[in-house]
Amino acid sequence: MIDRLWSEHQATAFPMASRCREVAGHDLVALDYTAAGCINTFLDRGSLDTWRLAVLGLCHHGLSLVVAQLDGEEQGYFRRLERLVGLVLEAVRDGSRPA
């Protein structure tokens, strides 16, 4: 599930309207970049170190705030990213390998 959703996310262009934009105190480019880095690490290694796990938890919180204030293409993009982050956090919690 994570692999499929990640491939879908990577195939989607970052929304132009989200560039140089801050929502709910979060820079959207930085939030996307940070979450993506942690997801990629999880998929490569099958786990996350404590630091990346904490960063991903903060990203999940930020994404939940951001998604609530977006609409249209932007909301869809960040909602999918929020879902991905949630799935990775669940997989780490459960000791699951990427799937």
Protein backbone atom coordinates (compact mmCIF):
# COMPACT_ATOMS: atom_id res chain seq x y z
CA MET A 1 0.00 0.00 0.00
CA ILE A 2 2.77 2.45 0.94
CA ASP A 3 4.78 1.64 -2.20
CA ARG A 4 1.78 2.16 -4.47
CA LEU A 5 0.70 5.40 -2.83
CA TRP A 6 4.30 6.66 -2.83
CA SER A 7 4.64 5.96 -6.56
CA GLU A 8 1.39 7.82 -7.17
CA HIS A 9 2.58 10.74 -5.07
CA GLN A 10 5.94 10.94 -6.84
CA ALA A 11 4.19 10.96 -10.22
CA THR A 12 2.15 14.02 -9.20
CA ALA A 13 3.65 17.46 -9.66
CA PHE A 14 3.96 19.69 -6.62
CA PRO A 15 1.10 22.22 -6.84
CA MET A 16 2.30 25.53 -8.27
CA ALA A 17 0.07 27.45 -5.84
CA SER A 18 1.91 25.84 -2.91
CA ARG A 19 5.32 27.25 -3.82
CA CYS A 20 6.57 30.03 -1.56
CA ARG A 21 3.49 29.59 0.60
CA GLU A 22 3.03 29.15 4.32
CA VAL A 23 -0.13 27.67 5.82
CA ALA A 24 -0.80 27.22 9.54
CA GLY A 25 2.80 28.24 10.22
CA HIS A 26 4.24 25.60 7.88
CA ASP A 27 6.23 26.27 4.72
CA LEU A 28 4.58 23.90 2.24
CA VAL A 29 7.75 23.16 0.26
CA ALA A 30 9.70 22.37 3.43
CA LEU A 31 6.88 20.21 4.80
CA ASP A 32 6.70 18.23 1.55
CA TYR A 33 10.49 17.87 1.32
CA THR A 34 10.90 16.76 4.93
CA ALA A 35 8.07 14.23 4.87
CA ALA A 36 9.25 12.85 1.52
CA GLY A 37 12.77 12.37 2.85
CA CYS A 38 11.54 10.36 5.82
CA ILE A 39 9.20 8.27 3.65
CA ASN A 40 12.01 7.56 1.21
CA THR A 41 14.32 6.53 4.06
CA PHE A 42 11.67 4.18 5.41
CA LEU A 43 11.16 2.59 2.00
CA ASP A 44 14.92 2.19 1.47
CA ARG A 45 15.77 0.87 4.94
CA GLY A 46 12.50 -0.63 6.16
CA SER A 47 12.75 1.39 9.37
CA LEU A 48 13.39 4.86 10.76
CA ASP A 49 15.80 6.00 13.42
CA THR A 50 14.44 7.86 16.42
CA TRP A 51 15.23 11.29 15.02
CA ARG A 52 13.46 10.66 11.68
CA LEU A 53 10.53 9.10 13.49
CA ALA A 54 10.14 12.26 15.60
CA VAL A 55 10.46 14.47 12.50
CA LEU A 56 7.84 12.39 10.70
CA GLY A 57 5.49 12.71 13.67
CA LEU A 58 5.88 16.49 13.52
CA CYS A 59 5.23 16.40 9.78
CA HIS A 60 2.04 14.41 10.36
CA HIS A 61 0.81 17.00 12.82
CA GLY A 62 1.71 19.84 10.45
CA LEU A 63 0.03 18.12 7.53
CA SER A 64 -3.19 17.68 9.48
CA LEU A 65 -3.25 21.43 10.14
CA VAL A 66 -2.36 22.31 6.55
CA VAL A 67 -4.87 19.97 4.89
CA ALA A 68 -7.71 21.51 6.90
CA GLN A 69 -6.94 24.91 5.38
CA LEU A 70 -6.41 23.91 1.75
CA ASP A 71 -8.78 22.97 -1.04
CA GLY A 72 -8.70 21.61 -4.56
CA GLU A 73 -5.46 20.32 -6.04
CA GLU A 74 -3.41 21.50 -3.06
CA GLN A 75 -5.61 19.71 -0.57
CA GLY A 76 -5.50 16.48 -2.58
CA TYR A 77 -1.71 16.59 -2.82
CA PHE A 78 -1.16 17.22 0.88
CA ARG A 79 -3.94 14.87 1.97
CA ARG A 80 -2.22 12.03 0.10
CA LEU A 81 1.09 12.99 1.75
CA GLU A 82 -0.62 13.04 5.15
CA ARG A 83 -2.01 9.55 4.46
CA LEU A 84 1.43 8.29 3.44
CA VAL A 85 3.03 9.70 6.57
CA GLY A 86 0.32 8.08 8.69
CA LEU A 87 0.86 4.72 7.02
CA VAL A 88 4.62 4.90 7.58
CA LEU A 89 4.12 5.82 11.24
CA GLU A 90 1.74 2.87 11.65
CA ALA A 91 4.20 0.53 9.92
CA VAL A 92 7.02 1.65 12.21
CA ARG A 93 4.78 1.25 15.25
CA ASP A 94 3.76 -2.24 14.17
CA GLY A 95 7.25 -3.27 13.10
CA SER A 96 6.03 -3.84 9.53
CA ARG A 97 8.21 -3.74 6.44
CA PRO A 98 7.30 -1.41 3.56
CA ALA A 99 4.47 -2.71 1.39
